[in-house]
């Protein structure tokens, strides 16, 4: 097994410290390393659980997501604990209140002649204590001692497993899932909050059988090579949301793409690409007619802007970056003083199998966002 660790953006004095892990080898050994990393960075520890539920989860993963099953066994072995008595996942709830934007452009309409997939990850710059107090209207009293802002320690994980596709993913705070990523086949995925207006705190019930919201993108990248394979895999999979609805934009190098989301009663909605582009922000596509309110984080306005810009001719990676800047949050003036920023912005080149990202480092003296240089990563050990 081979593993390297490095800090690639930010550091002391900055809001963000971005760590990158590059690993190759058996999935079981990868799982052991990721468990150690999560413990060191986030204070993660396995959670004792009902053995019947644990056995059911392990059986489901073994059948439908064997890569994750092996990683969980590796974490258990490294800690000397019985796999059938503990949850060896990170906490699966996704924090509320983010407002993200994503758009995919087919190869036929880009100057590069390759599919381009852009996404902003917009999130609060507060600690968990302060965020949930803000949502509820309570006085938080400030962050707990040594409590960092929730999204201030992201990871870039590049892996080349012995028996699966290489991938590069970006995660806010859970090393067994991701917010976005790309694999060696040129399949890319990003998650976004699906209904910003009605969000509350996640339901704290712990891992369930099937895929958590943050695990779903990693599941797709580990097990699928095309958008069509991803459609079939998601329809066959078991999911849970812990009260925080998300939806996902998934696209492949051929130009096929779709949005996947769940509605009332567990209904599954798939929206394929119709035309040259597919866009997504923070409202359900299967619910029509809604408008922006004070709680939607400008979701509908951002969506209209993305659709209008995607209709331009001769779009390029450079132009896509300009569009992402246009719909991003770079200062308090854009959010009426709410501590929301674009914490990173990514452009995937699906033909090149690369992920190029800049990271938010904090505000300048004038209140404008400071950024890291844009960094380019590729699946596994291919770049970055």
Protein backbone atom coordinates (compact mmCIF):
# COMPACT_ATOMS: atom_id res chain seq x y z
CA UNK A 1 0.00 0.00 0.00
CA UNK A 2 1.15 3.55 -0.80
CA UNK A 3 -0.10 6.70 0.94
CA UNK A 4 0.93 10.36 0.93
CA UNK A 5 -0.45 13.26 2.94
CA UNK A 6 0.01 16.97 2.33
CA UNK A 7 -1.61 20.36 2.96
CA UNK A 8 -2.45 21.82 -0.46
CA UNK A 9 -4.26 25.07 0.43
CA UNK A 10 -4.63 27.39 3.41
CA UNK A 11 -3.06 26.84 6.79
CA UNK A 12 -2.36 28.78 9.95
CA UNK A 13 -4.12 32.14 9.87
CA UNK A 14 -6.57 31.08 7.16
CA UNK A 15 -10.18 29.98 7.51
CA UNK A 16 -9.47 26.80 5.56
CA UNK A 17 -6.81 24.14 5.80
CA UNK A 18 -7.17 21.71 2.91
CA UNK A 19 -5.52 18.32 3.26
CA UNK A 20 -4.93 15.90 0.43
CA UNK A 21 -4.50 12.16 0.82
CA UNK A 22 -3.34 10.04 -2.11
CA UNK A 23 -3.60 6.30 -1.56
CA UNK A 24 -3.28 3.13 -3.59
CA UNK A 25 -3.69 -0.49 -2.56
CA UNK A 26 -6.34 -2.83 -1.13
CA UNK A 27 -9.60 -1.21 -0.01
CA UNK A 28 -9.30 -2.80 3.44
CA UNK A 29 -6.02 -1.02 4.07
CA UNK A 30 -7.48 2.21 2.70
CA UNK A 31 -10.30 1.93 5.23
CA UNK A 32 -7.83 1.58 8.09
CA UNK A 33 -5.92 4.68 7.00
CA UNK A 34 -9.06 6.79 6.55
CA UNK A 35 -10.30 5.79 10.00
CA UNK A 36 -7.00 6.91 11.53
CA UNK A 37 -7.15 10.19 9.60
CA UNK A 38 -10.73 10.89 10.69
CA UNK A 39 -9.81 10.22 14.31
CA UNK A 40 -6.82 12.56 14.15
CA UNK A 41 -8.56 15.44 12.36
CA UNK A 42 -12.20 15.27 13.44
CA UNK A 43 -12.04 13.28 16.67
CA UNK A 44 -14.06 10.50 15.03
CA UNK A 45 -14.62 7.24 16.92
CA UNK A 46 -16.72 4.16 16.07
CA UNK A 47 -20.21 4.24 17.54
CA UNK A 48 -21.59 1.20 19.43
CA UNK A 49 -24.73 -0.01 17.68
CA UNK A 50 -27.50 -2.56 17.66
CA UNK A 51 -25.88 -5.75 16.27
CA UNK A 52 -28.91 -6.59 14.14
CA UNK A 53 -28.74 -3.23 12.36
CA UNK A 54 -24.97 -3.49 11.95
CA UNK A 55 -25.26 -6.95 10.39
CA UNK A 56 -27.94 -5.71 7.99
CA UNK A 57 -25.78 -2.74 6.97
CA UNK A 58 -22.72 -4.92 6.41
CA UNK A 59 -24.75 -7.37 4.32
CA UNK A 60 -26.16 -4.55 2.18
CA UNK A 61 -22.76 -3.01 1.57
CA UNK A 62 -21.20 -6.39 0.77
CA UNK A 63 -23.80 -6.96 -1.94
CA UNK A 64 -24.19 -3.50 -3.45
CA UNK A 65 -21.05 -1.56 -2.48
CA UNK A 66 -18.25 -4.03 -1.79
CA UNK A 67 -15.57 -1.33 -1.84
CA UNK A 68 -17.10 0.41 1.17
CA UNK A 69 -17.69 -2.93 2.88
CA UNK A 70 -13.99 -3.67 2.68
CA UNK A 71 -13.06 -0.22 3.95
CA UNK A 72 -15.34 -0.67 6.97
CA UNK A 73 -13.74 -4.03 7.76
CA UNK A 74 -10.33 -2.40 7.48
CA UNK A 75 -11.33 0.27 9.97
CA UNK A 76 -12.61 -2.39 12.37
CA UNK A 77 -9.44 -4.48 12.12
CA UNK A 78 -7.18 -1.49 12.64
CA UNK A 79 -8.98 -0.64 15.88
CA UNK A 80 -9.22 -4.24 17.08
CA UNK A 81 -13.01 -4.03 17.35
CA UNK A 82 -15.70 -6.42 16.16
CA UNK A 83 -17.21 -5.24 12.87
CA UNK A 84 -20.62 -6.55 13.94
CA UNK A 85 -20.91 -4.38 17.06
CA UNK A 86 -20.03 -0.84 15.92
CA UNK A 87 -20.74 1.65 13.14
CA UNK A 88 -17.48 2.31 11.34
CA UNK A 89 -18.83 5.25 9.33
CA UNK A 90 -18.54 8.94 10.03
CA UNK A 91 -21.74 10.58 11.23
CA UNK A 92 -24.00 10.62 8.23
CA UNK A 93 -26.05 13.79 8.72
CA UNK A 94 -25.31 16.64 6.32
CA UNK A 95 -25.33 20.11 7.97
CA UNK A 96 -28.12 22.41 6.85
CA UNK A 97 -28.21 25.79 5.23
CA UNK A 98 -25.89 25.48 2.23
CA UNK A 99 -26.74 27.05 -1.09
CA UNK A 100 -24.83 25.47 -3.96
CA UNK A 101 -24.92 25.80 -7.75
CA UNK A 102 -23.96 23.31 -10.45
CA UNK A 103 -24.12 23.10 -14.23
CA UNK A 104 -23.01 20.58 -16.85
CA UNK A 105 -22.15 21.45 -20.47
CA UNK A 106 -22.11 18.79 -23.15
CA UNK A 107 -18.88 18.30 -25.16
CA UNK A 108 -20.66 19.44 -28.35
CA UNK A 109 -21.09 23.01 -27.04
CA UNK A 110 -17.72 23.70 -25.39
CA UNK A 111 -14.67 25.20 -27.04
CA UNK A 112 -12.59 22.34 -25.62
CA UNK A 113 -14.86 19.72 -27.20
CA UNK A 114 -15.08 18.00 -23.79
CA UNK A 115 -17.83 17.90 -21.20
CA UNK A 116 -17.42 20.55 -18.47
CA UNK A 117 -19.10 20.35 -15.06
CA UNK A 118 -18.94 23.32 -12.71
CA UNK A 119 -20.05 23.60 -9.09
CA UNK A 120 -19.92 26.11 -6.24
CA UNK A 121 -19.98 24.78 -2.68
CA UNK A 122 -21.65 27.49 -0.61
CA UNK A 123 -21.85 27.08 3.15
CA UNK A 124 -21.86 28.91 6.48
CA UNK A 125 -18.54 29.96 7.99
CA UNK A 126 -19.66 29.19 11.57
CA UNK A 127 -19.24 26.34 14.02
CA UNK A 128 -21.99 23.73 14.37
CA UNK A 129 -23.10 25.25 17.69
CA UNK A 130 -23.46 28.69 16.15
CA UNK A 131 -25.13 27.40 12.97
CA UNK A 132 -27.87 25.43 14.70
CA UNK A 133 -28.50 28.31 17.11
CA UNK A 134 -28.83 30.64 14.12
CA UNK A 135 -31.32 28.31 12.43
CA UNK A 136 -33.42 28.00 15.59
CA UNK A 137 -33.18 31.68 16.53
CA UNK A 138 -31.45 30.91 19.85
CA UNK A 139 -28.38 32.52 21.37
CA UNK A 140 -25.48 30.14 20.84
CA UNK A 141 -23.15 31.86 23.28
CA UNK A 142 -20.44 31.41 20.66
CA UNK A 143 -18.63 28.24 19.61
CA UNK A 144 -17.76 25.58 22.13
CA UNK A 145 -14.11 25.51 23.27
CA UNK A 146 -11.81 24.39 20.43
CA UNK A 147 -14.82 24.06 18.08
CA UNK A 148 -13.77 24.91 14.53
CA UNK A 149 -16.05 26.21 11.77
CA UNK A 150 -17.84 23.22 10.27
CA UNK A 151 -16.35 23.35 6.78
CA UNK A 152 -12.88 24.62 7.60
CA UNK A 153 -11.03 21.28 7.30
CA UNK A 154 -11.98 19.75 3.93
CA UNK A 155 -10.11 16.89 2.28
CA UNK A 156 -9.19 15.98 -1.26
CA UNK A 157 -8.98 12.18 -1.45
CA UNK A 158 -7.34 10.52 -4.44
CA UNK A 159 -7.38 6.74 -4.55
CA UNK A 160 -6.24 3.97 -6.87
CA UNK A 161 -7.71 0.77 -5.41
CA UNK A 162 -6.53 -2.65 -6.50
CA UNK A 163 -9.96 -3.71 -7.77
CA UNK A 164 -11.95 -0.63 -8.74
CA UNK A 165 -11.83 2.69 -10.58
CA UNK A 166 -9.42 5.41 -9.51
CA UNK A 167 -11.16 8.54 -8.25
CA UNK A 168 -10.57 11.96 -6.79
CA UNK A 169 -13.19 13.37 -4.43
CA UNK A 170 -13.66 16.43 -2.25
CA UNK A 171 -15.36 16.19 1.13
CA UNK A 172 -16.34 18.76 3.73
CA UNK A 173 -15.93 16.60 6.82
CA UNK A 174 -16.67 12.90 6.18
CA UNK A 175 -13.97 10.66 4.82
CA UNK A 176 -16.32 7.84 3.79
CA UNK A 177 -18.33 10.10 1.49
CA UNK A 178 -17.90 13.24 -0.58
CA UNK A 179 -19.59 16.40 -1.78
CA UNK A 180 -18.28 15.94 -5.32
CA UNK A 181 -15.80 13.89 -7.30
CA UNK A 182 -14.74 12.29 -10.57
CA UNK A 183 -13.50 8.80 -11.46
CA UNK A 184 -11.14 7.46 -14.11
CA UNK A 185 -14.05 6.81 -16.51
CA UNK A 186 -14.92 10.52 -16.62
CA UNK A 187 -18.04 10.13 -14.48
CA UNK A 188 -18.58 13.09 -12.11
CA UNK A 189 -21.12 13.80 -9.38
CA UNK A 190 -21.99 16.66 -7.02
CA UNK A 191 -24.52 16.91 -4.20
CA UNK A 192 -26.61 19.99 -3.39
CA UNK A 193 -29.26 20.84 -0.80
CA UNK A 194 -32.61 20.10 -2.45
CA UNK A 195 -34.95 22.38 -0.49
CA UNK A 196 -33.17 25.26 1.23
CA UNK A 197 -36.39 26.98 2.27
CA UNK A 198 -37.68 24.31 4.68
CA UNK A 199 -34.49 22.96 6.20
CA UNK A 200 -33.98 22.22 9.88
CA UNK A 201 -31.29 20.42 11.82
CA UNK A 202 -30.54 16.82 10.77
CA UNK A 203 -32.37 14.00 12.53
CA UNK A 204 -29.83 12.41 14.89
CA UNK A 205 -30.72 8.74 14.51
CA UNK A 206 -27.36 7.44 13.31
CA UNK A 207 -26.48 5.36 10.25
CA UNK A 208 -29.25 3.30 8.62
CA UNK A 209 -29.16 0.42 6.16
CA UNK A 210 -28.24 1.72 2.72
CA UNK A 211 -26.65 4.95 1.54
CA UNK A 212 -26.43 8.11 3.60
CA UNK A 213 -26.71 11.40 1.65
CA UNK A 214 -22.97 12.04 1.79
CA UNK A 215 -22.10 8.43 0.83
CA UNK A 216 -24.23 8.41 -2.33
CA UNK A 217 -21.72 10.28 -4.56
CA UNK A 218 -18.87 8.01 -3.46
CA UNK A 219 -21.05 4.94 -4.13
CA UNK A 220 -21.66 6.16 -7.69
CA UNK A 221 -17.97 6.81 -8.35
CA UNK A 222 -16.88 3.45 -6.90
CA UNK A 223 -19.42 1.33 -8.77
CA UNK A 224 -20.33 3.10 -12.05
CA UNK A 225 -18.60 4.16 -15.26
CA UNK A 226 -21.44 5.98 -17.06
CA UNK A 227 -24.50 8.05 -16.27
CA UNK A 228 -26.73 5.20 -17.43
CA UNK A 229 -25.05 2.80 -15.01
CA UNK A 230 -25.55 5.38 -12.26
CA UNK A 231 -29.28 5.64 -13.03
CA UNK A 232 -29.71 1.90 -12.68
CA UNK A 233 -27.56 1.73 -9.54
CA UNK A 234 -29.49 4.49 -7.75
CA UNK A 235 -32.87 3.03 -8.63
CA UNK A 236 -31.76 -0.32 -7.22
CA UNK A 237 -30.15 1.13 -4.08
CA UNK A 238 -31.59 1.79 -0.64
CA UNK A 239 -31.28 5.39 0.63
CA UNK A 240 -32.01 7.51 3.67
CA UNK A 241 -31.82 11.29 4.18
CA UNK A 242 -31.92 11.90 7.97
CA UNK A 243 -34.29 14.80 7.39
CA UNK A 244 -31.97 16.80 5.12
CA UNK A 245 -33.08 16.38 1.50
CA UNK A 246 -30.33 16.49 -1.11
CA UNK A 247 -30.28 16.11 -4.85
CA UNK A 248 -27.45 15.22 -7.19
CA UNK A 249 -26.14 16.14 -10.63
CA UNK A 250 -24.35 13.24 -12.34
CA UNK A 251 -22.66 13.44 -15.74
CA UNK A 252 -20.28 11.39 -17.88
CA UNK A 253 -17.66 12.10 -20.53
CA UNK A 254 -20.00 11.15 -23.42
CA UNK A 255 -22.38 14.01 -22.59
CA UNK A 256 -25.07 12.02 -20.80
CA UNK A 257 -26.25 13.61 -17.54
CA UNK A 258 -29.15 13.62 -15.11
CA UNK A 259 -30.41 15.05 -11.83
CA UNK A 260 -31.56 12.55 -9.17
CA UNK A 261 -33.83 13.60 -6.33
CA UNK A 262 -36.46 12.13 -4.04
CA UNK A 263 -39.83 13.64 -3.27
CA UNK A 264 -42.78 13.04 -0.97
CA UNK A 265 -43.45 9.41 -0.15
CA UNK A 266 -39.97 8.41 -1.30
CA UNK A 267 -40.80 8.97 -4.99
CA UNK A 268 -37.63 8.97 -7.09
CA UNK A 269 -37.32 11.62 -9.81
CA UNK A 270 -34.78 11.51 -12.62
CA UNK A 271 -34.37 14.51 -14.92
CA UNK A 272 -32.22 13.79 -17.97
CA UNK A 273 -30.32 16.40 -19.92
CA UNK A 274 -32.62 18.07 -22.44
CA UNK A 275 -30.50 20.11 -24.79
CA UNK A 276 -26.92 21.19 -24.29
CA UNK A 277 -26.79 21.86 -20.54
CA UNK A 278 -28.23 20.75 -17.22
CA UNK A 279 -28.33 23.09 -14.20
CA UNK A 280 -29.12 22.66 -10.53
CA UNK A 281 -29.30 24.84 -7.41
CA UNK A 282 -31.24 24.41 -4.13
CA UNK A 283 -34.87 23.77 -4.98
CA UNK A 284 -36.57 20.62 -6.24
CA UNK A 285 -36.86 20.34 -10.01
CA UNK A 286 -39.98 18.22 -9.62
CA UNK A 287 -41.80 21.08 -7.87
CA UNK A 288 -42.63 23.90 -10.27
CA UNK A 289 -43.71 27.48 -9.67
CA UNK A 290 -41.86 28.32 -6.43
CA UNK A 291 -40.07 31.64 -6.01
CA UNK A 292 -37.25 32.97 -3.88
CA UNK A 293 -37.95 33.96 -0.29
CA UNK A 294 -35.67 35.11 2.49
CA UNK A 295 -34.76 31.47 3.20
CA UNK A 296 -33.96 30.15 -0.28
CA UNK A 297 -30.41 31.54 -0.59
CA UNK A 298 -31.35 33.03 -3.99
CA UNK A 299 -31.77 29.50 -5.36
CA UNK A 300 -34.25 30.39 -8.11
CA UNK A 301 -32.34 33.46 -9.23
CA UNK A 302 -29.10 31.49 -9.41
CA UNK A 303 -30.86 28.76 -11.39
CA UNK A 304 -32.22 31.23 -13.94
CA UNK A 305 -28.79 32.80 -14.33
CA UNK A 306 -27.15 29.43 -14.92
CA UNK A 307 -29.77 28.49 -17.52
CA UNK A 308 -29.34 31.81 -19.35
CA UNK A 309 -25.54 31.62 -19.38
CA UNK A 310 -25.59 27.95 -20.46
CA UNK A 311 -27.50 28.99 -23.58
CA UNK A 312 -24.53 31.06 -24.79
CA UNK A 313 -22.50 29.80 -27.73
CA UNK A 314 -18.83 28.85 -27.60
CA UNK A 315 -18.68 28.22 -23.87
CA UNK A 316 -15.26 27.42 -22.43
CA UNK A 317 -13.77 26.43 -19.11
CA UNK A 318 -12.74 30.05 -18.58
CA UNK A 319 -16.28 31.28 -19.24
CA UNK A 320 -17.75 28.60 -16.95
CA UNK A 321 -15.54 29.88 -14.14
CA UNK A 322 -16.86 33.40 -14.74
CA UNK A 323 -20.44 32.14 -14.53
CA UNK A 324 -19.72 30.32 -11.26
CA UNK A 325 -18.29 33.56 -9.87
CA UNK A 326 -21.45 35.38 -10.95
CA UNK A 327 -23.71 33.07 -8.92
CA UNK A 328 -21.33 32.61 -5.99
CA UNK A 329 -21.19 34.30 -2.58
CA UNK A 330 -18.01 36.30 -2.24
CA UNK A 331 -18.94 38.89 0.40
CA UNK A 332 -21.39 39.61 3.19
CA UNK A 333 -23.16 42.17 1.00
CA UNK A 334 -24.50 39.35 -1.19
CA UNK A 335 -26.10 37.55 1.78
CA UNK A 336 -27.43 40.46 3.89
CA UNK A 337 -24.70 39.84 6.43
CA UNK A 338 -25.42 36.12 6.84
CA UNK A 339 -22.04 34.32 7.22
CA UNK A 340 -22.36 32.39 3.95
CA UNK A 341 -19.52 32.11 1.43
CA UNK A 342 -18.56 30.05 -1.57
CA UNK A 343 -16.09 27.82 0.26
CA UNK A 344 -14.80 26.24 -2.91
CA UNK A 345 -15.54 26.21 -6.61
CA UNK A 346 -14.77 23.25 -8.87
CA UNK A 347 -14.63 22.74 -12.61
CA UNK A 348 -14.45 19.15 -13.82
CA UNK A 349 -13.06 18.45 -17.29
CA UNK A 350 -14.69 15.09 -17.94
CA UNK A 351 -12.61 14.37 -21.03
CA UNK A 352 -9.36 15.01 -19.21
CA UNK A 353 -10.66 13.37 -15.98
CA UNK A 354 -9.54 16.34 -13.91
CA UNK A 355 -10.97 18.40 -11.06
CA UNK A 356 -9.80 22.02 -10.70
CA UNK A 357 -10.71 23.79 -7.45
CA UNK A 358 -10.01 27.02 -5.58
CA UNK A 359 -10.71 27.33 -1.85
CA UNK A 360 -11.96 30.18 0.36
CA UNK A 361 -9.25 31.34 2.80
CA UNK A 362 -11.12 34.05 4.71
CA UNK A 363 -12.27 37.63 4.22
CA UNK A 364 -10.01 40.53 3.40
CA UNK A 365 -10.01 43.79 5.36
CA UNK A 366 -12.68 45.09 2.96
CA UNK A 367 -14.93 42.07 3.46
CA UNK A 368 -14.18 40.35 0.16
CA UNK A 369 -13.32 36.67 -0.03
CA UNK A 370 -9.69 35.62 -0.29
CA UNK A 371 -9.00 32.57 -2.45
CA UNK A 372 -6.30 30.00 -2.86
CA UNK A 373 -4.81 29.49 -6.32
CA UNK A 374 -6.83 27.04 -8.40
CA UNK A 375 -5.46 23.52 -7.98
CA UNK A 376 -5.92 20.73 -10.51
CA UNK A 377 -6.34 17.11 -9.40
CA UNK A 378 -6.97 13.99 -11.40
CA UNK A 379 -8.43 10.58 -10.55
CA UNK A 380 -6.10 8.62 -8.32
CA UNK A 381 -2.43 9.19 -9.09
CA UNK A 382 -2.98 10.55 -12.59
CA UNK A 383 -2.53 14.20 -11.62
CA UNK A 384 -2.30 16.48 -8.65
